Amino acid sequence: MAYLKHPLFIICSMFFIAACSPKPTLEVPEAYQKGQNYFHRVCANCHGSDAMGKQTKAPGLIDEDYLTANFSDDEIRATIIDGVDNMPSQSRKVTGEEITEIIKYLRYSQKAADLYIEPEEEEEEEEEEDQA
């Protein structure tokens, strides 16, 4: 009978830990819900609910620093797989397909937050107009 207590404890502990992770607060279209669910299972404890950061250990990812022009999808994938600085590898927690869905969700969330970087061409044209 004692051997049954140990697996039960582990199952209860895993349920408790899963229940403590931040829940999504934003509703996303169905095409991004898988990625949102994977993000909240693996990433939200550090990057915050809805990837916004806000008083978390890790930066918010809904930020211009993490837009495609500054941080490519391949760089996000490599960071998840290999880890970086204080972030350990998450390769044992997610599959390649789940990472793809997480990236898709992050890119949608960035767009939904109206984040964008002006193309360099437009900036150069504006500077030329200012000088004229």
C-alpha atoms as a PDB file:
ATOM      1  CA  MET A   1       0.000   0.000   0.000  1.00  0.00           C
ATOM      2  CA  ALA A   2       2.881   2.377   0.727  1.00  0.00           C
ATOM      3  CA  TYR A   3       4.020   2.218  -2.900  1.00  0.00           C
ATOM      4  CA  LEU A   4       0.669   3.719  -4.016  1.00  0.00           C
ATOM      5  CA  LYS A   5       1.164   6.871  -1.948  1.00  0.00           C
ATOM      6  CA  HIS A   6       4.232   7.976  -3.879  1.00  0.00           C
ATOM      7  CA  PRO A   7       2.638   8.044  -7.389  1.00  0.00           C
ATOM      8  CA  LEU A   8      -0.469   9.688  -5.969  1.00  0.00           C
ATOM      9  CA  PHE A   9       1.679  12.393  -4.371  1.00  0.00           C
ATOM     10  CA  ILE A  10       3.457  13.008  -7.675  1.00  0.00           C
ATOM     11  CA  ILE A  11       0.184  13.246  -9.602  1.00  0.00           C
ATOM     12  CA  CYS A  12      -1.310  15.652  -7.046  1.00  0.00           C
ATOM     13  CA  SER A  13       1.860  17.758  -7.065  1.00  0.00           C
ATOM     14  CA  MET A  14       1.869  18.000 -10.860  1.00  0.00           C
ATOM     15  CA  PHE A  15      -1.787  19.068 -10.844  1.00  0.00           C
ATOM     16  CA  PHE A  16      -1.060  21.729  -8.219  1.00  0.00           C
ATOM     17  CA  ILE A  17       1.918  23.093 -10.187  1.00  0.00           C
ATOM     18  CA  ALA A  18      -0.094  23.234 -13.418  1.00  0.00           C
ATOM     19  CA  ALA A  19      -2.914  25.036 -11.627  1.00  0.00           C
ATOM     20  CA  CYS A  20      -0.478  27.718 -10.414  1.00  0.00           C
ATOM     21  CA  SER A  21       0.767  28.822 -13.833  1.00  0.00           C
ATOM     22  CA  PRO A  22      -0.644  32.127 -15.102  1.00  0.00           C
ATOM     23  CA  LYS A  23      -3.760  31.790 -17.193  1.00  0.00           C
ATOM     24  CA  PRO A  24      -4.263  33.685 -20.455  1.00  0.00           C
ATOM     25  CA  THR A  25      -6.258  36.879 -20.097  1.00  0.00           C
ATOM     26  CA  LEU A  26      -6.572  37.687 -23.796  1.00  0.00           C
ATOM     27  CA  GLU A  27      -8.836  35.828 -26.152  1.00  0.00           C
ATOM     28  CA  VAL A  28      -7.143  34.904 -29.422  1.00  0.00           C
ATOM     29  CA  PRO A  29      -8.558  33.522 -32.671  1.00  0.00           C
ATOM     30  CA  GLU A  30      -8.770  29.740 -32.893  1.00  0.00           C
ATOM     31  CA  ALA A  31      -5.728  29.554 -35.189  1.00  0.00           C
ATOM     32  CA  TYR A  32      -3.522  30.826 -32.317  1.00  0.00           C
ATOM     33  CA  GLN A  33      -5.092  29.023 -29.355  1.00  0.00           C
ATOM     34  CA  LYS A  34      -2.760  26.010 -29.515  1.00  0.00           C
ATOM     35  CA  GLY A  35       0.253  28.317 -29.355  1.00  0.00           C
ATOM     36  CA  GLN A  36      -1.318  30.280 -26.521  1.00  0.00           C
ATOM     37  CA  ASN A  37      -1.924  27.068 -24.580  1.00  0.00           C
ATOM     38  CA  TYR A  38       1.646  25.840 -25.164  1.00  0.00           C
ATOM     39  CA  PHE A  39       3.024  29.262 -24.202  1.00  0.00           C
ATOM     40  CA  HIS A  40       1.085  29.252 -20.939  1.00  0.00           C
ATOM     41  CA  ARG A  41       2.145  25.706 -20.127  1.00  0.00           C
ATOM     42  CA  VAL A  42       5.864  26.302 -20.729  1.00  0.00           C
ATOM     43  CA  CYS A  43       6.676  30.028 -20.856  1.00  0.00           C
ATOM     44  CA  ALA A  44       4.151  32.050 -18.858  1.00  0.00           C
ATOM     45  CA  ASN A  45       5.647  31.381 -15.429  1.00  0.00           C
ATOM     46  CA  CYS A  46       8.655  33.480 -16.422  1.00  0.00           C
ATOM     47  CA  HIS A  47       7.470  35.668 -19.320  1.00  0.00           C
ATOM     48  CA  GLY A  48       4.137  36.511 -17.730  1.00  0.00           C
ATOM     49  CA  SER A  49       0.554  36.070 -18.701  1.00  0.00           C
ATOM     50  CA  ASP A  50       0.049  36.839 -22.371  1.00  0.00           C
ATOM     51  CA  ALA A  51       3.839  37.301 -22.785  1.00  0.00           C
ATOM     52  CA  MET A  52       3.654  40.810 -21.329  1.00  0.00           C
ATOM     53  CA  GLY A  53       6.366  40.359 -18.704  1.00  0.00           C
ATOM     54  CA  LYS A  54       5.350  42.787 -15.961  1.00  0.00           C
ATOM     55  CA  GLN A  55       7.142  41.942 -12.751  1.00  0.00           C
ATOM     56  CA  THR A  56       8.402  38.584 -13.934  1.00  0.00           C
ATOM     57  CA  LYS A  57      11.843  36.991 -14.063  1.00  0.00           C
ATOM     58  CA  ALA A  58      12.059  37.277 -17.827  1.00  0.00           C
ATOM     59  CA  PRO A  59      11.295  40.052 -20.320  1.00  0.00           C
ATOM     60  CA  GLY A  60       7.898  40.574 -21.876  1.00  0.00           C
ATOM     61  CA  LEU A  61       7.909  39.373 -25.468  1.00  0.00           C
ATOM     62  CA  ILE A  62       5.193  41.724 -26.684  1.00  0.00           C
ATOM     63  CA  ASP A  63       7.793  44.405 -27.223  1.00  0.00           C
ATOM     64  CA  GLU A  64       9.551  46.001 -30.203  1.00  0.00           C
ATOM     65  CA  ASP A  65      12.805  44.292 -29.191  1.00  0.00           C
ATOM     66  CA  TYR A  66      11.252  40.935 -30.095  1.00  0.00           C
ATOM     67  CA  LEU A  67       9.631  41.860 -33.407  1.00  0.00           C
ATOM     68  CA  THR A  68      10.780  39.890 -36.441  1.00  0.00           C
ATOM     69  CA  ALA A  69      13.110  42.659 -37.607  1.00  0.00           C
ATOM     70  CA  ASN A  70      15.009  42.514 -34.306  1.00  0.00           C
ATOM     71  CA  PHE A  71      14.545  38.895 -33.223  1.00  0.00           C
ATOM     72  CA  SER A  72      13.773  36.351 -35.935  1.00  0.00           C
ATOM     73  CA  ASP A  73      11.607  33.265 -35.604  1.00  0.00           C
ATOM     74  CA  ASP A  74      14.772  31.168 -35.875  1.00  0.00           C
ATOM     75  CA  GLU A  75      16.300  33.102 -32.973  1.00  0.00           C
ATOM     76  CA  ILE A  76      13.197  32.482 -30.847  1.00  0.00           C
ATOM     77  CA  ARG A  77      13.343  28.787 -31.749  1.00  0.00           C
ATOM     78  CA  ALA A  78      17.065  28.572 -30.881  1.00  0.00           C
ATOM     79  CA  THR A  79      16.490  30.382 -27.578  1.00  0.00           C
ATOM     80  CA  ILE A  80      13.730  27.954 -26.593  1.00  0.00           C
ATOM     81  CA  ILE A  81      15.796  24.915 -27.586  1.00  0.00           C
ATOM     82  CA  ASP A  82      19.238  26.005 -26.349  1.00  0.00           C
ATOM     83  CA  GLY A  83      18.408  28.498 -23.616  1.00  0.00           C
ATOM     84  CA  VAL A  84      20.241  31.787 -23.085  1.00  0.00           C
ATOM     85  CA  ASP A  85      21.647  33.686 -20.083  1.00  0.00           C
ATOM     86  CA  ASN A  86      19.256  32.936 -17.186  1.00  0.00           C
ATOM     87  CA  MET A  87      16.805  30.968 -19.338  1.00  0.00           C
ATOM     88  CA  PRO A  88      17.489  27.232 -19.383  1.00  0.00           C
ATOM     89  CA  SER A  89      16.750  25.084 -22.406  1.00  0.00           C
ATOM     90  CA  GLN A  90      13.083  24.204 -22.752  1.00  0.00           C
ATOM     91  CA  SER A  91      13.745  21.451 -25.301  1.00  0.00           C
ATOM     92  CA  ARG A  92      12.448  18.712 -22.992  1.00  0.00           C
ATOM     93  CA  LYS A  93       9.179  20.549 -22.414  1.00  0.00           C
ATOM     94  CA  VAL A  94       8.118  21.280 -26.003  1.00  0.00           C
ATOM     95  CA  THR A  95       8.224  19.651 -29.406  1.00  0.00           C
ATOM     96  CA  GLY A  96       9.274  21.371 -32.613  1.00  0.00           C
ATOM     97  CA  GLU A  97       5.628  21.665 -33.652  1.00  0.00           C
ATOM     98  CA  GLU A  98       4.715  23.248 -30.308  1.00  0.00           C
ATOM     99  CA  ILE A  99       7.535  25.782 -30.694  1.00  0.00           C
ATOM    100  CA  THR A 100       6.179  26.700 -34.138  1.00  0.00           C
ATOM    101  CA  GLU A 101       2.738  27.267 -32.599  1.00  0.00           C
ATOM    102  CA  ILE A 102       4.235  29.365 -29.770  1.00  0.00           C
ATOM    103  CA  ILE A 103       6.044  31.570 -32.297  1.00  0.00           C
ATOM    104  CA  LYS A 104       2.855  31.946 -34.337  1.00  0.00           C
ATOM    105  CA  TYR A 105       0.994  32.988 -31.170  1.00  0.00           C
ATOM    106  CA  LEU A 106       3.707  35.492 -30.189  1.00  0.00           C
ATOM    107  CA  ARG A 107       3.731  37.085 -33.657  1.00  0.00           C
ATOM    108  CA  TYR A 108      -0.066  37.362 -33.606  1.00  0.00           C
ATOM    109  CA  SER A 109       0.048  38.934 -30.132  1.00  0.00           C
ATOM    110  CA  GLN A 110       2.655  41.464 -31.249  1.00  0.00           C
ATOM    111  CA  LYS A 111       0.515  42.443 -34.233  1.00  0.00           C
ATOM    112  CA  ALA A 112      -2.624  42.615 -32.065  1.00  0.00           C
ATOM    113  CA  ALA A 113      -0.743  45.020 -29.765  1.00  0.00           C
ATOM    114  CA  ASP A 114      -0.086  47.267 -32.799  1.00  0.00           C
ATOM    115  CA  LEU A 115       3.667  46.837 -32.527  1.00  0.00           C
ATOM    116  CA  TYR A 116       5.636  47.484 -35.660  1.00  0.00           C
ATOM    117  CA  ILE A 117       8.946  48.867 -36.807  1.00  0.00           C
ATOM    118  CA  GLU A 118       8.950  51.367 -39.611  1.00  0.00           C
ATOM    119  CA  PRO A 119      10.932  50.219 -42.600  1.00  0.00           C
ATOM    120  CA  GLU A 120      14.342  51.885 -42.836  1.00  0.00           C
ATOM    121  CA  GLU A 121      13.431  53.341 -46.231  1.00  0.00           C
ATOM    122  CA  GLU A 122      10.637  55.428 -44.717  1.00  0.00           C
ATOM    123  CA  GLU A 123      12.943  56.692 -41.964  1.00  0.00           C
ATOM    124  CA  GLU A 124      15.587  57.703 -44.517  1.00  0.00           C
ATOM    125  CA  GLU A 125      12.993  59.552 -46.616  1.00  0.00           C
ATOM    126  CA  GLU A 126      11.764  61.418 -43.543  1.00  0.00           C
ATOM    127  CA  GLU A 127      15.318  62.428 -42.624  1.00  0.00           C
ATOM    128  CA  GLU A 128      15.921  63.727 -46.153  1.00  0.00           C
ATOM    129  CA  GLU A 129      12.706  65.759 -46.012  1.00  0.00           C
ATOM    130  CA  ASP A 130      13.720  67.230 -42.651  1.00  0.00           C
ATOM    131  CA  GLN A 131      17.097  68.313 -44.055  1.00  0.00           C
ATOM    132  CA  ALA A 132      15.520  69.998 -47.116  1.00  0.00           C
END
